Amino acid sequence: MKKINKTLCFVVLGASVVVTACGGGGGSDNSDANASQDKGVKPVPVTPSPSPAPAPRPAPAPTPVPSPSPSSDPTANTGSGSGSGSTPTPTPTPTPTPTPTPTPTPTPTPTPTPTPVTNNTVPIIVDRTLNGINSLYVTATICYPGMQGSSQCATVDHMLLDTGSVGVRVVASALGSALASQLPAQTGATNDPTGNAPIAQCAQFNSGYTWGSIKRADVTIGNELAGNLPIQVIGDGAFATPSDCITNGGLSLNTISALGAKGVIGIGPGIRDFPAAAQTTLSATYYYCTSSGSCTNTRVPLDTQVMNPVAGFMSDNNGTIISLPALLPGGQLTATGQLTFGVSTQQNNTLPSNVNIVPLNQNGLFATVYKGRTYSYSAIDSGSNVYFFPDDGTIPTTLVWSDKWYGPPSLLSLSANLKASNGSGTPATATFSLGNATNLLASGYAAYDSLGAPMSGAFIWGLPFFYGRNVYTVLNNAKVGSQTGPFVAF
């Protein structure tokens, strides 16, 4: 494995090659600079939704008033009287008039208690469809901005769900050539003298790169929509790959087979992928392209950069929760879980009071203390398929597909402390297991919770960390109760 050389990184593991990848930049992306073109760019402070009002208690039916009894018959005058002694004529008994019975007031039908709407969740899966190991996938629908018809949209499955990078990147062939070419180009590069030249990006990874146009699209994940979002269309062929991208980037990851996914959904703590590129012209990053063969390095304003889709939602836009089940010993053929949008924005995403909270710096990083050594380059990263941490010589290694993995003779139970990079707060202890990669991978499964590989100078808590946990990622400057992002929690 090579050392990661950029922040907010992800790892793609194919059947015969391990690709270590870095796809997002560091630096602050303060939300006040993000507002101009996008809806919901700034994560808004949110509070838990109030509980539904209880159903009204039904009013008792009124008791009907009883009808009054008829009056007694008047008695005939039978007393003796003076006179001739003739018999008097009796007075007839009057017929009583009945009092009408009132109609009872109908009993009101109780109002049912509404079932809370959970429109902020979407299924996620780990499988071998694209020959990946511990590759976590989600489905997204990508449309021409403002259009929802079938001819203007593509639903793309097996997008890598990545808490270690920022933004939506989709392989052009997964969109289809028509939609990929029709999506409106992002323009507005700072150095572009015309202001109208299309922007393209070289997203560098340590073992490869993605190259493609920056386009605008509506991105829907589950029921949540991020409208008019800047995304990267990987390998669209619109512009020749710049030489510095090839030199610095290594292998091309511009196809589904090379990437091990049909795209990437980057939901890390950042809002934009390379905030530093708004201030400085970075090598092999953003370009404006005046023709198919001419692209020039450039600065780009924040509102033209590839953007975290969660920050673009109109609600539930302050973070995410990834929930995956615990695995059987030795791994599983597949694993299914749930991605929940928002943290403490609805009844189904409340941040527990006893959760471990790890503050992040503006690059999305924290520190890991492992065996007495502190690794300040640490991240909880669903896009990395194993635990990556330095080899101190105490754990045996093994070769798999010509790459070095950890291979202890028996399962190891390990632990480390996670803390803020500046040392503030109380460290959180995390336990993890490490197994023999050769033995585990012989099963041909997709999901493993104890795979690890050596990496110098960094500690990356990859997808194995997510199994059996709820892992929360809260975005930069977002509020959750008294806590302010960025932070991760588990």
Protein backbone atom coordinates (compact mmCIF):
# COMPACT_ATOMS: atom_id res chain seq x y z
CA MET A 1 0.00 0.00 0.00
CA LYS A 2 1.17 3.54 -0.68
CA LYS A 3 0.79 6.34 1.77
CA ILE A 4 -2.23 8.56 1.24
CA ASN A 5 -1.06 12.01 0.20
CA LYS A 6 -4.31 14.01 0.32
CA THR A 7 -7.02 14.37 2.87
CA LEU A 8 -10.48 12.83 2.66
CA CYS A 9 -9.45 9.66 0.91
CA PHE A 10 -11.11 6.46 -0.18
CA VAL A 11 -9.91 3.04 -1.19
CA VAL A 12 -11.26 0.85 -3.96
CA LEU A 13 -10.40 -2.83 -3.86
CA GLY A 14 -10.87 -4.94 -6.97
CA ALA A 15 -10.57 -8.67 -7.40
CA SER A 16 -6.95 -8.55 -8.48
CA VAL A 17 -5.60 -5.18 -7.49
CA VAL A 18 -5.75 -2.93 -4.48
CA VAL A 19 -6.20 0.73 -5.38
CA THR A 20 -5.52 3.26 -2.68
CA ALA A 21 -7.28 6.48 -3.50
CA CYS A 22 -7.56 10.04 -2.30
CA GLY A 23 -10.45 12.09 -3.52
CA GLY A 24 -10.99 15.31 -1.69
CA GLY A 25 -9.15 18.29 -0.38
CA GLY A 26 -8.58 19.85 2.94
CA GLY A 27 -9.04 23.35 4.15
CA SER A 28 -12.02 25.17 5.47
CA ASP A 29 -15.14 25.39 3.34
CA ASN A 30 -16.98 27.89 5.51
CA SER A 31 -20.59 27.88 4.51
CA ASP A 32 -20.89 31.64 4.05
CA ALA A 33 -18.89 31.33 0.86
CA ASN A 34 -21.08 28.62 -0.59
CA ALA A 35 -24.38 30.29 -1.08
CA SER A 36 -24.70 31.90 -4.46
CA GLN A 37 -25.85 29.29 -6.95
CA ASP A 38 -27.07 26.40 -4.85
CA LYS A 39 -30.16 25.56 -2.89
CA GLY A 40 -29.50 24.45 0.65
CA VAL A 41 -25.74 24.76 0.40
CA LYS A 42 -25.31 25.77 3.99
CA PRO A 43 -26.32 23.08 6.49
CA VAL A 44 -29.00 24.73 8.52
CA PRO A 45 -29.23 24.27 12.27
CA VAL A 46 -31.96 21.83 13.03
CA THR A 47 -33.82 20.58 16.07
CA PRO A 48 -35.64 17.29 16.56
CA SER A 49 -39.14 17.22 15.17
CA PRO A 50 -41.79 17.45 17.89
CA SER A 51 -43.69 14.31 18.72
CA PRO A 52 -47.07 14.04 17.00
CA ALA A 53 -49.98 15.48 18.99
CA PRO A 54 -51.92 12.75 20.80
CA ALA A 55 -55.22 11.74 19.31
CA PRO A 56 -58.15 13.62 20.87
CA ARG A 57 -60.08 11.61 23.44
CA PRO A 58 -63.54 10.82 21.99
CA ALA A 59 -66.37 12.78 23.62
CA PRO A 60 -68.95 10.57 25.43
CA ALA A 61 -72.28 10.23 23.70
CA PRO A 62 -74.94 12.35 25.45
CA THR A 63 -77.54 10.35 27.37
CA PRO A 64 -80.98 10.76 25.79
CA VAL A 65 -83.43 12.67 27.99
CA PRO A 66 -86.26 10.28 29.02
CA SER A 67 -89.76 11.11 27.76
CA PRO A 68 -92.04 12.43 30.52
CA SER A 69 -94.76 10.02 31.67
CA PRO A 70 -98.31 10.93 30.60
CA SER A 71 -100.36 12.79 33.21
CA SER A 72 -102.78 10.66 35.39
CA ASP A 73 -106.33 10.35 34.15
CA PRO A 74 -108.62 12.94 35.78
CA THR A 75 -111.02 11.26 38.20
CA ALA A 76 -114.79 11.38 37.29
CA ASN A 77 -117.05 13.33 39.64
CA THR A 78 -118.70 10.56 41.66
CA GLY A 79 -119.54 12.44 44.80
CA SER A 80 -123.19 12.47 45.96
CA GLY A 81 -125.01 15.55 45.06
CA SER A 82 -128.30 17.15 45.77
CA GLY A 83 -130.82 17.26 43.12
CA SER A 84 -133.15 14.95 41.50
CA GLY A 85 -130.83 11.97 42.01
CA SER A 86 -130.01 11.45 38.27
CA THR A 87 -126.57 9.89 37.30
CA PRO A 88 -124.02 12.49 36.11
CA THR A 89 -122.27 12.12 32.71
CA PRO A 90 -118.57 11.23 33.16
CA THR A 91 -115.90 13.57 31.71
CA PRO A 92 -113.85 11.79 29.01
CA THR A 93 -110.10 11.15 29.71
CA PRO A 94 -107.93 13.33 27.45
CA THR A 95 -105.30 11.62 25.27
CA PRO A 96 -101.81 12.72 26.40
CA THR A 97 -99.47 14.30 23.83
CA PRO A 98 -96.17 12.32 23.82
CA THR A 99 -92.89 14.25 24.19
CA PRO A 100 -90.56 13.48 21.24
CA THR A 101 -87.37 11.59 22.07
CA PRO A 102 -84.27 13.72 21.17
CA THR A 103 -81.84 12.30 18.61
CA PRO A 104 -78.54 11.42 20.34
CA THR A 105 -75.47 13.43 19.26
CA PRO A 106 -73.25 11.05 17.24
CA THR A 107 -69.97 9.99 18.85
CA PRO A 108 -67.05 11.67 17.03
CA THR A 109 -64.57 9.36 15.30
CA PRO A 110 -61.17 9.56 17.04
CA THR A 111 -58.39 11.11 14.91
CA PRO A 112 -55.70 8.45 14.36
CA THR A 113 -52.20 9.24 15.56
CA PRO A 114 -50.10 9.87 12.42
CA THR A 115 -47.27 7.47 11.73
CA PRO A 116 -43.95 9.37 11.55
CA VAL A 117 -42.78 9.70 7.96
CA THR A 118 -39.26 8.31 7.49
CA ASN A 119 -38.48 9.66 4.05
CA ASN A 120 -34.84 10.21 4.95
CA THR A 121 -33.52 6.65 4.63
CA VAL A 122 -32.19 4.56 1.76
CA PRO A 123 -30.91 0.96 1.57
CA ILE A 124 -27.20 0.27 1.22
CA ILE A 125 -25.45 -2.97 0.31
CA VAL A 126 -22.08 -4.71 0.31
CA ASP A 127 -21.87 -7.31 -2.46
CA ARG A 128 -19.64 -8.79 -5.17
CA THR A 129 -21.54 -7.51 -8.21
CA LEU A 130 -18.48 -5.53 -9.30
CA ASN A 131 -15.99 -7.93 -7.67
CA GLY A 132 -15.37 -5.58 -4.76
CA ILE A 133 -14.38 -6.53 -1.23
CA ASN A 134 -16.00 -4.47 1.54
CA SER A 135 -17.33 -2.02 -1.04
CA LEU A 136 -20.41 -0.22 0.28
CA TYR A 137 -22.88 0.80 -2.42
CA VAL A 138 -25.90 3.05 -2.74
CA THR A 139 -28.20 3.94 -5.64
CA ALA A 140 -28.73 7.49 -6.91
CA THR A 141 -30.82 9.05 -9.66
CA ILE A 142 -29.11 11.75 -11.71
CA CYS A 143 -31.21 14.08 -13.86
CA TYR A 144 -30.86 17.11 -16.05
CA PRO A 145 -31.52 20.06 -13.70
CA GLY A 146 -35.24 20.65 -13.29
CA MET A 147 -36.21 17.60 -15.37
CA GLN A 148 -37.59 14.38 -13.95
CA GLY A 149 -38.65 12.52 -17.10
CA SER A 150 -37.15 9.14 -17.89
CA SER A 151 -35.29 10.49 -20.91
CA GLN A 152 -33.56 13.14 -18.79
CA CYS A 153 -32.57 10.85 -15.88
CA ALA A 154 -30.45 7.81 -15.12
CA THR A 155 -30.74 5.68 -12.00
CA VAL A 156 -27.26 4.43 -11.17
CA ASP A 157 -26.74 1.56 -8.75
CA HIS A 158 -23.48 0.52 -7.11
CA MET A 159 -22.22 4.01 -6.39
CA LEU A 160 -19.50 3.75 -3.73
CA LEU A 161 -20.76 5.34 -0.49
CA ASP A 162 -17.78 7.19 0.90
CA THR A 163 -17.46 9.14 4.15
CA GLY A 164 -13.83 9.83 3.25
CA SER A 165 -14.44 12.07 0.25
CA VAL A 166 -16.78 14.83 -0.83
CA GLY A 167 -19.09 15.03 -3.83
CA VAL A 168 -20.81 13.03 -6.54
CA ARG A 169 -18.68 11.45 -9.28
CA VAL A 170 -20.31 9.19 -11.82
CA VAL A 171 -18.75 7.19 -14.65
CA ALA A 172 -20.07 8.50 -17.96
CA SER A 173 -20.96 5.05 -19.26
CA ALA A 174 -23.24 4.51 -16.26
CA LEU A 175 -25.17 7.66 -17.20
CA GLY A 176 -25.38 6.83 -20.88
CA SER A 177 -23.73 8.91 -23.57
CA ALA A 178 -26.80 11.03 -24.29
CA LEU A 179 -27.39 12.23 -20.73
CA ALA A 180 -23.67 12.57 -20.00
CA SER A 181 -23.29 14.96 -22.93
CA GLN A 182 -26.55 16.85 -22.31
CA LEU A 183 -25.92 17.82 -18.69
CA PRO A 184 -25.05 21.54 -18.56
CA ALA A 185 -21.36 22.32 -18.17
CA GLN A 186 -20.11 24.09 -15.06
CA THR A 187 -18.36 27.34 -15.94
CA GLY A 188 -16.98 30.30 -13.99
CA ALA A 189 -13.35 29.39 -13.30
CA THR A 190 -11.54 32.30 -11.63
CA ASN A 191 -8.65 32.38 -14.12
CA ASP A 192 -10.85 31.96 -17.20
CA PRO A 193 -10.72 35.27 -19.11
CA THR A 194 -14.03 34.53 -20.85
CA GLY A 195 -15.87 33.19 -17.81
CA ASN A 196 -17.67 30.74 -20.10
CA ALA A 197 -15.19 27.90 -20.55
CA PRO A 198 -16.26 24.49 -19.19
CA ILE A 199 -14.53 23.29 -16.03
CA ALA A 200 -12.99 19.81 -15.74
CA GLN A 201 -11.26 18.04 -12.87
CA CYS A 202 -8.43 15.64 -12.22
CA ALA A 203 -9.33 13.95 -8.94
CA GLN A 204 -6.04 12.42 -7.86
CA PHE A 205 -5.77 9.14 -6.06
CA ASN A 206 -2.59 7.58 -4.83
CA SER A 207 -2.84 4.69 -7.28
CA GLY A 208 -4.83 6.44 -9.98
CA TYR A 209 -7.02 9.35 -10.96
CA THR A 210 -10.42 10.21 -12.35
CA TRP A 211 -10.65 12.78 -15.14
CA GLY A 212 -13.81 14.32 -16.49
CA SER A 213 -16.05 17.33 -16.93
CA ILE A 214 -17.79 19.14 -14.10
CA LYS A 215 -21.50 19.25 -14.92
CA ARG A 216 -24.68 20.39 -13.18
CA ALA A 217 -27.32 17.82 -12.26
CA ASP A 218 -30.17 17.07 -9.90
CA VAL A 219 -29.12 14.20 -7.64
CA THR A 220 -31.75 12.18 -5.77
CA ILE A 221 -30.79 9.59 -3.16
CA GLY A 222 -33.82 7.85 -1.71
CA ASN A 223 -36.36 10.64 -1.30
CA GLU A 224 -33.84 13.45 -0.79
CA LEU A 225 -33.02 15.80 -3.68
CA ALA A 226 -29.95 17.98 -4.14
CA GLY A 227 -30.82 20.29 -7.00
CA ASN A 228 -28.49 21.76 -9.61
CA LEU A 229 -25.42 20.19 -8.01
CA PRO A 230 -21.89 20.38 -9.48
CA ILE A 231 -20.77 16.78 -10.10
CA GLN A 232 -17.88 15.12 -11.93
CA VAL A 233 -18.70 13.01 -14.98
CA ILE A 234 -15.79 10.58 -15.07
CA GLY A 235 -14.32 9.55 -18.41
CA ASP A 236 -16.76 11.49 -20.57
CA GLY A 237 -14.12 12.06 -23.26
CA ALA A 238 -14.94 15.73 -23.71
CA PHE A 239 -11.38 16.92 -23.09
CA ALA A 240 -7.96 15.34 -23.42
CA THR A 241 -6.38 14.40 -20.10
CA PRO A 242 -3.74 17.01 -19.11
CA SER A 243 -0.18 15.79 -18.84
CA ASP A 244 0.21 16.79 -15.18
CA CYS A 245 -2.87 14.74 -14.31
CA ILE A 246 -1.34 11.66 -15.92
CA THR A 247 2.09 12.30 -14.40
CA ASN A 248 0.83 12.88 -10.89
CA GLY A 249 -2.20 10.63 -10.98
CA GLY A 250 -0.84 7.25 -12.04
CA LEU A 251 -3.39 4.82 -13.44
CA SER A 252 -6.66 5.90 -15.00
CA LEU A 253 -9.73 5.00 -12.93
CA ASN A 254 -12.11 6.26 -15.59
CA THR A 255 -14.03 3.02 -16.12
CA ILE A 256 -16.39 1.03 -13.93
CA SER A 257 -14.04 -1.96 -13.83
CA ALA A 258 -11.03 0.17 -12.88
CA LEU A 259 -12.92 2.12 -10.21
CA GLY A 260 -14.77 -0.90 -8.85
CA ALA A 261 -17.97 1.16 -8.80
CA LYS A 262 -20.23 3.09 -11.15
CA GLY A 263 -19.35 6.26 -9.32
CA VAL A 264 -18.78 7.72 -5.88
CA ILE A 265 -21.18 9.40 -3.46
CA GLY A 266 -18.85 11.36 -1.18
CA ILE A 267 -20.60 12.23 2.10
CA GLY A 268 -17.62 13.23 4.22
CA PRO A 269 -17.77 16.19 6.63
CA GLY A 270 -16.77 18.79 4.03
CA ILE A 271 -19.15 20.83 1.90
CA ARG A 272 -16.89 21.24 -1.17
CA ASP A 273 -14.19 18.87 -2.35
CA PHE A 274 -11.15 21.20 -2.59
CA PRO A 275 -11.72 24.46 -0.68
CA ALA A 276 -8.03 25.33 -1.12
CA ALA A 277 -8.59 25.47 -4.88
CA ALA A 278 -10.72 28.57 -4.39
CA GLN A 279 -7.62 30.43 -3.19
CA THR A 280 -4.73 28.73 -4.99
CA THR A 281 -4.19 27.21 -8.43
CA LEU A 282 -3.41 23.60 -7.57
CA SER A 283 -1.55 21.24 -9.86
CA ALA A 284 -3.61 18.43 -11.36
CA THR A 285 -6.90 19.50 -9.79
CA TYR A 286 -9.29 21.94 -11.52
CA TYR A 287 -9.02 23.22 -15.11
CA TYR A 288 -10.90 25.42 -17.54
CA CYS A 289 -11.00 24.03 -21.06
CA THR A 290 -11.17 26.26 -24.14
CA SER A 291 -11.16 23.34 -26.58
CA SER A 292 -11.12 19.54 -26.53
CA GLY A 293 -7.33 19.58 -26.50
CA SER A 294 -6.61 22.59 -24.30
CA CYS A 295 -7.23 22.67 -20.55
CA THR A 296 -5.50 25.09 -18.16
CA ASN A 297 -5.02 24.80 -14.39
CA THR A 298 -7.23 27.23 -12.53
CA ARG A 299 -8.71 28.42 -9.29
CA VAL A 300 -12.43 27.82 -8.94
CA PRO A 301 -14.92 29.52 -6.59
CA LEU A 302 -16.49 27.31 -3.94
CA ASP A 303 -19.90 27.42 -5.58
CA THR A 304 -18.52 25.84 -8.76
CA GLN A 305 -16.72 22.98 -6.99
CA VAL A 306 -17.95 19.41 -6.66
CA MET A 307 -20.32 19.47 -3.68
CA ASN A 308 -21.44 17.13 -0.91
CA PRO A 309 -24.99 16.10 -1.91
CA VAL A 310 -26.18 16.04 1.71
CA ALA A 311 -25.39 19.74 2.07
CA GLY A 312 -27.55 20.36 -0.99
CA PHE A 313 -30.69 18.79 0.48
CA MET A 314 -33.45 21.15 1.58
CA SER A 315 -33.81 19.27 4.88
CA ASP A 316 -31.96 16.53 6.79
CA ASN A 317 -28.83 18.24 5.51
CA ASN A 318 -26.52 18.37 8.53
CA GLY A 319 -25.04 14.87 8.33
CA THR A 320 -25.61 11.15 7.89
CA ILE A 321 -25.86 7.86 9.77
CA ILE A 322 -24.56 4.60 8.31
CA SER A 323 -26.03 1.50 9.96
CA LEU A 324 -24.66 -1.94 9.10
CA PRO A 325 -25.29 -5.25 10.90
CA ALA A 326 -22.70 -7.24 12.79
CA LEU A 327 -21.26 -10.02 10.62
CA LEU A 328 -20.96 -13.73 11.16
CA PRO A 329 -17.46 -14.97 12.02
CA GLY A 330 -15.45 -15.31 8.83
CA GLY A 331 -17.53 -12.82 6.86
CA GLN A 332 -20.68 -12.92 4.74
CA LEU A 333 -21.56 -13.19 1.08
CA THR A 334 -23.48 -9.90 1.31
CA ALA A 335 -24.54 -7.38 3.94
CA THR A 336 -27.38 -4.89 3.78
CA GLY A 337 -27.92 -1.80 5.90
CA GLN A 338 -29.36 1.68 5.90
CA LEU A 339 -28.18 5.20 5.18
CA THR A 340 -30.09 7.85 7.14
CA PHE A 341 -29.90 11.51 6.22
CA GLY A 342 -29.81 14.14 8.96
CA VAL A 343 -28.74 13.88 12.59
CA SER A 344 -31.37 14.81 15.20
CA THR A 345 -33.64 16.23 12.51
CA GLN A 346 -36.34 13.56 12.80
CA GLN A 347 -37.45 10.93 15.29
CA ASN A 348 -35.45 8.23 13.50
CA ASN A 349 -32.04 9.95 13.57
CA THR A 350 -31.61 11.24 17.12
CA LEU A 351 -28.03 11.39 18.36
CA PRO A 352 -27.93 9.24 21.53
CA SER A 353 -26.74 10.85 24.75
CA ASN A 354 -24.19 8.08 25.37
CA VAL A 355 -22.57 8.15 21.93
CA ASN A 356 -18.81 8.56 21.47
CA ILE A 357 -18.13 11.91 19.78
CA VAL A 358 -14.81 12.57 18.03
CA PRO A 359 -14.26 16.19 16.89
CA LEU A 360 -12.64 16.65 13.48
CA ASN A 361 -10.39 19.37 12.18
CA GLN A 362 -11.33 21.30 9.04
CA ASN A 363 -9.66 18.59 6.94
CA GLY A 364 -11.98 15.95 8.39
CA LEU A 365 -9.23 14.31 10.43
CA PHE A 366 -8.61 13.32 14.06
CA ALA A 367 -5.85 11.52 15.98
CA THR A 368 -5.59 7.82 16.83
CA VAL A 369 -3.46 6.61 19.73
CA TYR A 370 -2.45 3.01 19.05
CA LYS A 371 0.14 1.08 21.05
CA GLY A 372 1.42 4.31 22.56
CA ARG A 373 1.90 6.13 19.27
CA THR A 374 -0.26 8.98 18.01
CA TYR A 375 -1.31 9.13 14.37
CA SER A 376 -2.75 12.57 13.61
CA TYR A 377 -3.75 11.53 10.12
CA SER A 378 -6.81 9.46 11.01
CA ALA A 379 -10.27 9.14 9.50
CA ILE A 380 -13.37 6.96 9.77
CA ASP A 381 -13.84 6.13 6.11
CA SER A 382 -16.55 3.91 4.64
CA GLY A 383 -14.80 4.06 1.27
CA SER A 384 -11.74 2.22 2.59
CA ASN A 385 -12.29 -1.51 2.52
CA VAL A 386 -9.92 -2.48 5.35
CA TYR A 387 -8.29 -1.09 8.46
CA PHE A 388 -5.11 0.71 7.37
CA PHE A 389 -2.50 1.33 10.06
CA PRO A 390 1.29 1.17 10.41
CA ASP A 391 3.14 -2.12 10.59
CA ASP A 392 5.22 -2.13 13.78
CA GLY A 393 6.55 -5.62 13.16
CA THR A 394 4.44 -7.32 15.81
CA ILE A 395 1.67 -8.56 13.49
CA PRO A 396 2.56 -11.03 10.70
CA THR A 397 1.69 -10.05 7.14
CA THR A 398 0.64 -12.10 4.14
CA LEU A 399 0.56 -11.54 0.38
CA VAL A 400 -2.80 -11.45 -1.36
CA TRP A 401 -2.96 -10.50 -5.06
CA SER A 402 0.67 -9.35 -4.76
CA ASP A 403 -0.19 -6.88 -2.00
CA LYS A 404 0.70 -7.00 1.67
CA TRP A 405 -2.12 -7.62 4.15
CA TYR A 406 -2.13 -8.43 7.83
CA GLY A 407 -2.18 -12.19 8.47
CA PRO A 408 -2.05 -13.11 12.16
CA PRO A 409 -2.31 -16.87 12.78
CA SER A 410 -5.43 -16.31 14.90
CA LEU A 411 -7.97 -13.54 15.32
CA LEU A 412 -6.60 -10.57 17.26
CA SER A 413 -8.69 -8.31 19.49
CA LEU A 414 -7.21 -4.81 19.43
CA SER A 415 -8.13 -1.34 20.64
CA ALA A 416 -7.13 2.28 20.17
CA ASN A 417 -8.16 5.71 21.41
CA LEU A 418 -9.67 8.30 19.10
CA LYS A 419 -9.39 11.98 19.98
CA ALA A 420 -9.41 15.47 18.51
CA SER A 421 -6.25 16.42 16.64
CA ASN A 422 -5.63 19.26 19.08
CA GLY A 423 -5.94 16.90 22.04
CA SER A 424 -9.08 18.49 23.46
CA GLY A 425 -11.94 16.51 24.96
CA THR A 426 -12.14 12.97 26.26
CA PRO A 427 -10.71 10.22 24.02
CA ALA A 428 -13.10 7.53 22.80
CA THR A 429 -11.98 3.92 22.92
CA ALA A 430 -12.67 1.78 19.86
CA THR A 431 -12.18 -1.98 19.72
CA PHE A 432 -11.57 -3.91 16.52
CA SER A 433 -10.57 -7.35 15.31
CA LEU A 434 -7.85 -8.37 12.89
CA GLY A 435 -7.85 -11.69 11.05
CA ASN A 436 -5.73 -13.52 8.50
CA ALA A 437 -6.47 -12.00 5.09
CA THR A 438 -5.41 -15.07 3.13
CA ASN A 439 -7.74 -17.35 5.05
CA LEU A 440 -10.64 -14.89 5.07
CA LEU A 441 -10.55 -13.97 1.39
CA ALA A 442 -10.46 -17.62 0.33
CA SER A 443 -14.21 -17.73 1.01
CA GLY A 444 -14.98 -15.34 -1.83
CA TYR A 445 -17.35 -13.31 0.33
CA ALA A 446 -18.00 -9.58 -0.02
CA ALA A 447 -18.22 -8.47 3.63
CA TYR A 448 -15.48 -8.87 6.25
CA ASP A 449 -15.09 -7.13 9.60
CA SER A 450 -11.48 -8.04 10.39
CA LEU A 451 -9.40 -7.23 7.30
CA GLY A 452 -6.38 -4.97 7.64
CA ALA A 453 -3.31 -3.84 5.73
CA PRO A 454 -0.19 -1.83 6.57
CA MET A 455 -0.02 1.90 5.84
CA SER A 456 2.70 4.27 6.97
CA GLY A 457 1.95 7.34 9.05
CA ALA A 458 -1.85 7.09 9.08
CA PHE A 459 -4.66 5.21 10.75
CA ILE A 460 -7.74 4.73 8.57
CA TRP A 461 -10.79 3.12 10.15
CA GLY A 462 -12.25 1.52 7.04
CA LEU A 463 -15.52 -0.27 6.39
CA PRO A 464 -14.81 -3.11 8.87
CA PHE A 465 -15.29 -0.52 11.63
CA PHE A 466 -18.87 0.14 10.48
CA TYR A 467 -20.21 -3.39 10.93
CA GLY A 468 -22.41 -3.70 14.01
CA ARG A 469 -22.45 0.06 14.60
CA ASN A 470 -24.31 3.24 13.83
CA VAL A 471 -21.69 5.71 12.59
CA TYR A 472 -22.61 9.40 12.48
CA THR A 473 -20.92 12.03 10.30
CA VAL A 474 -21.83 15.68 10.96
CA LEU A 475 -20.87 18.35 8.44
CA ASN A 476 -18.72 21.43 8.87
CA ASN A 477 -20.44 24.14 10.94
CA ALA A 478 -23.65 22.12 11.33
CA LYS A 479 -25.37 22.13 14.73
CA VAL A 480 -26.66 19.04 16.53
CA GLY A 481 -27.88 20.07 19.94
CA SER A 482 -24.96 21.70 21.72
CA GLN A 483 -22.41 20.09 19.36
CA THR A 484 -21.04 21.84 16.27
CA GLY A 485 -19.59 19.92 13.34
CA PRO A 486 -17.47 18.62 11.95
CA PHE A 487 -17.46 15.50 14.08
CA VAL A 488 -17.98 11.76 13.83
CA ALA A 489 -19.75 9.66 16.42
CA PHE A 490 -20.33 5.97 17.08
